[in-house]
Each structure stands twice: as C-alpha cells, then as structure tokens.
Amino acid sequence: MNIADLARPAEEVAPMLLGAVLTHEAPEGTVHVTITETEAYAGAADPASHAYRGRTPRNAVMFGPAGHLYVYRSHGLHWCANVVTGADGVATAVLLRAGRVTEGEDVARERRGAKVEGPRLARGPGNFCQALGITSEHNGTDLLAGGPLTLSEGEPVPAALIRIGPRVGVSKAHDWQHRFYLAGDPTVSAYRLSPRAEPSAGA
C-alpha cells in the first residue's frame, strides 16, 4: 500500500482496501485485521460525509493528506476509523466497517469480551476499532509511516468476490452504492436501513 493508491477518490479506494491489513502494535500485544467491508464518503459532494458542510476541528484530518487515519466518536459510544483518501483539501475518506482478526485474537477478545465469537470480533465499525484498540489518540496517524498503527497490502481479492451496495445506517444519501464487501464473508455486517433515512437522488 502506498500514497498513490490512496490519493484517489474514496469510491475507488474503498474496494481496493478489501483484503488490506490494518495492524496495531500496542503494549498489550499486536493485532492484525484483514479488512472485509468498507464505505466511501465523498466529502463536500456527499450529504452523509462529515465534511459536507466544510472544515471543522472535528473533521480537519479528512482534508489530507491521504493515508492518515480519521477517528471519530459515533453516537457517543464507539470509535470509528476512516482512511483519508484523495488530494489534499478534498476531504474524502473510507470508513472501515468490518474485518477478520488474523493475528492477536486473544488480545482482540480481551478488548471485546471473552464470549464474542471470532467472526464478530471486528464486525461493525465500532467493534473494528475496539478489537484493534483504536481510540481518539490515533486520530491523524500516518498509516504509511511505519509506526505502531499501519496499513499494508494483504492477499489480492478476486473481483468476483467483491459486492457493492447501499451504505449502512446513515440517514442521508443512504442509497448511494458506496459500500463494498466480500461476498459470503461471516465478518461482514448485516445491511440495516436507518429509521431516519431520507429520500435521496442517488449518486
């Protein structure tokens, strides 16, 4: 994975991230998660994007450079992680929705709970971050700089396994076909239409 791969529109990067590996080397142990589900958010052109109304202290990381991690709190409960994409100033990003823990399952389970089944350890954006130990302190991390939190290429994913569909749980632009996931993978989250979903013209 390199900066050229990520400095592209979010909807192009999102399927490319399937099969990529996010690794966090923390004091309690190292966890590797292979990404199985993503969602693209297109900045100022996307009503569902945090950057739709412009730059704020909260979303500043989204404005570049590509390859950094944008972390935010969802509903006051869970941390969610996005890979910043596109050119500087464009504010596009890819939400990491789900993944498969491929190393450090014992550490991930300590964070998620002893009774959580393997496929559910990193299923859903909040669980994804919890399994990896990602919090607000990782906001702005350069994933390509070789630090404790890194993004790397994994095994190539055959195009035939990639599915595309509407985004999960957002109220605006929910029917945009910006969700990408691996067909039949048990770690992928179930589709859920937000009860607050608004009519959308699509994209």
Protein backbone atom coordinates (compact mmCIF):
# COMPACT_ATOMS: atom_id res chain seq x y z
CA MET A 1 0.00 0.00 0.00
CA ASN A 2 1.40 3.43 -0.91
CA ILE A 3 0.29 7.04 -1.08
CA ALA A 4 -0.53 6.79 -4.79
CA ASP A 5 -3.04 4.03 -4.05
CA LEU A 6 -4.84 6.23 -1.52
CA ALA A 7 -4.65 9.66 -3.17
CA ARG A 8 -7.68 8.83 -5.31
CA PRO A 9 -11.46 9.28 -4.94
CA ALA A 10 -12.88 7.40 -1.97
CA GLU A 11 -15.17 5.27 -4.12
CA GLU A 12 -12.09 3.99 -5.99
CA VAL A 13 -10.05 3.35 -2.85
CA ALA A 14 -12.83 1.61 -0.89
CA PRO A 15 -12.82 -1.65 -2.91
CA MET A 16 -9.01 -1.57 -3.06
CA LEU A 17 -8.88 -1.70 0.74
CA LEU A 18 -10.69 -5.04 0.84
CA GLY A 19 -8.08 -7.61 1.78
CA ALA A 20 -5.67 -4.96 3.08
CA VAL A 21 -4.40 -5.39 6.64
CA LEU A 22 -4.54 -2.88 9.49
CA THR A 23 -2.03 -3.68 12.22
CA HIS A 24 -1.76 -2.18 15.69
CA GLU A 25 1.29 -2.92 17.81
CA ALA A 26 0.17 -1.97 21.32
CA PRO A 27 1.76 -2.66 24.73
CA GLU A 28 -0.76 -5.44 25.38
CA GLY A 29 0.00 -7.15 22.08
CA THR A 30 -0.21 -6.93 18.31
CA VAL A 31 -3.45 -7.37 16.39
CA HIS A 32 -3.81 -7.76 12.62
CA VAL A 33 -7.22 -7.27 10.99
CA THR A 34 -7.88 -8.03 7.32
CA ILE A 35 -10.46 -5.57 6.00
CA THR A 36 -13.65 -7.18 4.65
CA GLU A 37 -16.09 -4.25 4.43
CA THR A 38 -15.72 -0.54 3.64
CA GLU A 39 -17.82 2.53 2.84
CA ALA A 40 -16.77 5.52 0.74
CA TYR A 41 -17.60 9.11 1.71
CA ALA A 42 -17.09 11.82 -0.89
CA GLY A 43 -16.58 14.98 1.14
CA ALA A 44 -18.32 18.18 0.05
CA ALA A 45 -20.25 16.31 -2.64
CA ASP A 46 -21.70 13.79 -0.17
CA PRO A 47 -24.53 14.74 2.22
CA ALA A 48 -23.58 11.82 4.50
CA SER A 49 -19.96 12.92 4.86
CA HIS A 50 -18.70 14.70 7.97
CA ALA A 51 -17.04 17.17 5.60
CA TYR A 52 -20.22 18.03 3.68
CA ARG A 53 -20.54 21.45 5.33
CA GLY A 54 -16.85 22.26 5.35
CA ARG A 55 -13.87 22.04 7.63
CA THR A 56 -14.23 21.89 11.42
CA PRO A 57 -11.86 20.97 14.25
CA ARG A 58 -13.53 17.55 14.34
CA ASN A 59 -13.08 16.65 10.66
CA ALA A 60 -9.81 18.51 9.92
CA VAL A 61 -7.87 15.27 9.36
CA MET A 62 -10.17 14.40 6.45
CA PHE A 63 -8.78 17.29 4.43
CA GLY A 64 -5.50 15.50 3.91
CA PRO A 65 -3.01 14.21 3.34
CA ALA A 66 -4.16 10.79 2.16
CA GLY A 67 -3.10 7.76 4.17
CA HIS A 68 -3.88 9.26 7.57
CA LEU A 69 -6.47 7.88 9.97
CA TYR A 70 -9.59 9.90 10.78
CA VAL A 71 -11.14 8.69 14.05
CA TYR A 72 -14.46 9.94 15.41
CA ARG A 73 -16.94 9.06 18.12
CA SER A 74 -20.25 7.58 16.92
CA HIS A 75 -23.37 8.31 18.98
CA GLY A 76 -21.13 8.99 21.97
CA LEU A 77 -20.43 5.28 22.29
CA HIS A 78 -17.97 3.86 19.75
CA TRP A 79 -14.83 4.97 17.96
CA CYS A 80 -14.91 4.61 14.17
CA ALA A 81 -11.89 4.71 11.87
CA ASN A 82 -11.57 6.04 8.31
CA VAL A 83 -8.66 6.04 5.88
CA VAL A 84 -8.27 9.52 4.40
CA THR A 85 -8.13 9.46 0.59
CA GLY A 86 -7.91 11.85 -2.35
CA ALA A 87 -5.88 15.00 -2.92
CA ASP A 88 -5.08 17.40 -0.10
CA GLY A 89 -8.05 19.63 0.66
CA VAL A 90 -10.70 17.35 -0.86
CA ALA A 91 -11.77 15.67 2.42
CA THR A 92 -12.75 12.22 1.19
CA ALA A 93 -12.39 9.10 3.31
CA VAL A 94 -13.20 5.40 3.56
CA LEU A 95 -14.90 4.04 6.67
CA LEU A 96 -13.52 0.70 7.83
CA ARG A 97 -16.74 -1.17 8.57
CA ALA A 98 -15.58 -4.71 9.31
CA GLY A 99 -12.66 -7.09 9.25
CA ARG A 100 -11.31 -10.50 10.15
CA VAL A 101 -8.80 -10.81 13.01
CA THR A 102 -5.90 -12.76 11.53
CA GLU A 103 -3.40 -12.37 14.36
CA GLY A 104 -3.72 -11.45 18.02
CA GLU A 105 -7.20 -12.89 18.52
CA ASP A 106 -6.51 -13.32 22.23
CA VAL A 107 -5.77 -9.59 22.57
CA ALA A 108 -8.80 -8.64 20.48
CA ARG A 109 -11.02 -10.88 22.61
CA GLU A 110 -9.76 -9.28 25.82
CA ARG A 111 -10.91 -5.95 24.41
CA ARG A 112 -14.22 -7.21 23.03
CA GLY A 113 -15.22 -9.85 25.59
CA ALA A 114 -14.47 -13.50 26.21
CA LYS A 115 -17.77 -14.76 24.77
CA VAL A 116 -17.59 -12.87 21.47
CA GLU A 117 -17.35 -15.28 18.54
CA GLY A 118 -14.41 -14.95 16.13
CA PRO A 119 -16.36 -13.54 13.15
CA ARG A 120 -17.90 -10.86 15.40
CA LEU A 121 -14.67 -9.58 16.91
CA ALA A 122 -14.27 -6.82 14.29
CA ARG A 123 -17.73 -6.83 12.67
CA GLY A 124 -19.12 -3.29 12.52
CA PRO A 125 -17.06 -0.07 12.66
CA GLY A 126 -17.19 0.29 16.45
CA ASN A 127 -16.14 -3.30 17.05
CA PHE A 128 -13.44 -2.95 14.40
CA CYS A 129 -11.82 -0.16 16.40
CA GLN A 130 -12.33 -1.86 19.74
CA ALA A 131 -10.68 -5.08 18.55
CA LEU A 132 -7.66 -3.09 17.35
CA GLY A 133 -7.53 -0.78 20.35
CA ILE A 134 -8.08 2.34 18.23
CA THR A 135 -9.25 5.47 20.07
CA SER A 136 -9.16 9.25 19.63
CA GLU A 137 -5.44 9.26 20.37
CA HIS A 138 -4.90 7.66 16.96
CA ASN A 139 -6.72 10.41 15.07
CA GLY A 140 -4.35 11.78 12.43
CA THR A 141 -1.98 8.79 12.50
CA ASP A 142 0.01 8.35 9.29
CA LEU A 143 -0.72 4.74 8.39
CA LEU A 144 2.15 4.59 5.91
CA ALA A 145 4.88 5.93 8.20
CA GLY A 146 5.85 2.61 9.76
CA GLY A 147 4.62 3.36 13.27
CA PRO A 148 2.68 1.09 15.62
CA LEU A 149 -0.51 1.54 13.55
CA THR A 150 -0.01 0.62 9.90
CA LEU A 151 -1.93 -0.22 6.73
CA SER A 152 -0.43 -2.78 4.38
CA GLU A 153 -1.39 -4.86 1.38
CA GLY A 154 -2.78 -8.33 2.01
CA GLU A 155 -3.64 -11.18 -0.28
CA PRO A 156 -5.26 -9.99 -3.55
CA VAL A 157 -9.05 -10.22 -3.54
CA PRO A 158 -10.64 -11.62 -6.73
CA ALA A 159 -13.02 -9.11 -8.29
CA ALA A 160 -15.70 -11.81 -8.38
CA LEU A 161 -15.84 -11.77 -4.56
CA ILE A 162 -16.48 -8.04 -4.24
CA ARG A 163 -20.06 -6.90 -3.76
CA ILE A 164 -21.40 -3.34 -3.89
CA GLY A 165 -24.45 -1.96 -2.14
CA PRO A 166 -26.02 0.95 -0.24
CA ARG A 167 -24.42 2.31 2.90
CA VAL A 168 -25.50 1.11 6.33
CA GLY A 169 -27.31 3.14 8.95
CA VAL A 170 -26.90 6.65 7.51
CA SER A 171 -29.89 8.94 7.11
CA LYS A 172 -28.66 10.98 4.13
CA ALA A 173 -27.56 9.56 0.76
CA HIS A 174 -28.14 6.11 2.21
CA ASP A 175 -28.84 4.57 -1.18
CA TRP A 176 -25.53 5.59 -2.73
CA GLN A 177 -23.75 2.44 -3.88
CA HIS A 178 -20.64 3.20 -1.85
CA ARG A 179 -20.46 0.12 0.38
CA PHE A 180 -18.03 -2.61 -0.65
CA TYR A 181 -17.72 -6.02 0.97
CA LEU A 182 -16.59 -9.61 0.46
CA ALA A 183 -19.36 -11.96 -0.63
CA GLY A 184 -20.24 -14.64 1.90
CA ASP A 185 -17.72 -13.49 4.50
CA PRO A 186 -19.13 -14.02 8.03
CA THR A 187 -17.35 -10.94 9.36
CA VAL A 188 -19.33 -8.55 7.14
CA SER A 189 -22.04 -6.61 8.97
CA ALA A 190 -25.71 -7.03 8.11
CA TYR A 191 -27.36 -4.34 6.00
CA ARG A 192 -29.53 -2.00 8.02
CA LEU A 193 -31.53 0.95 6.72
CA SER A 194 -31.60 3.86 9.13
CA PRO A 195 -35.09 4.57 10.53
CA ARG A 196 -34.26 8.23 9.83
CA ALA A 197 -33.39 7.59 6.18
CA GLU A 198 -34.32 10.48 3.90
CA PRO A 199 -35.22 10.33 0.19
CA SER A 200 -32.07 10.53 -1.91
CA ALA A 201 -31.40 11.32 -5.56
CA GLY A 202 -28.54 8.80 -5.63
CA ALA A 203 -25.03 9.25 -6.96
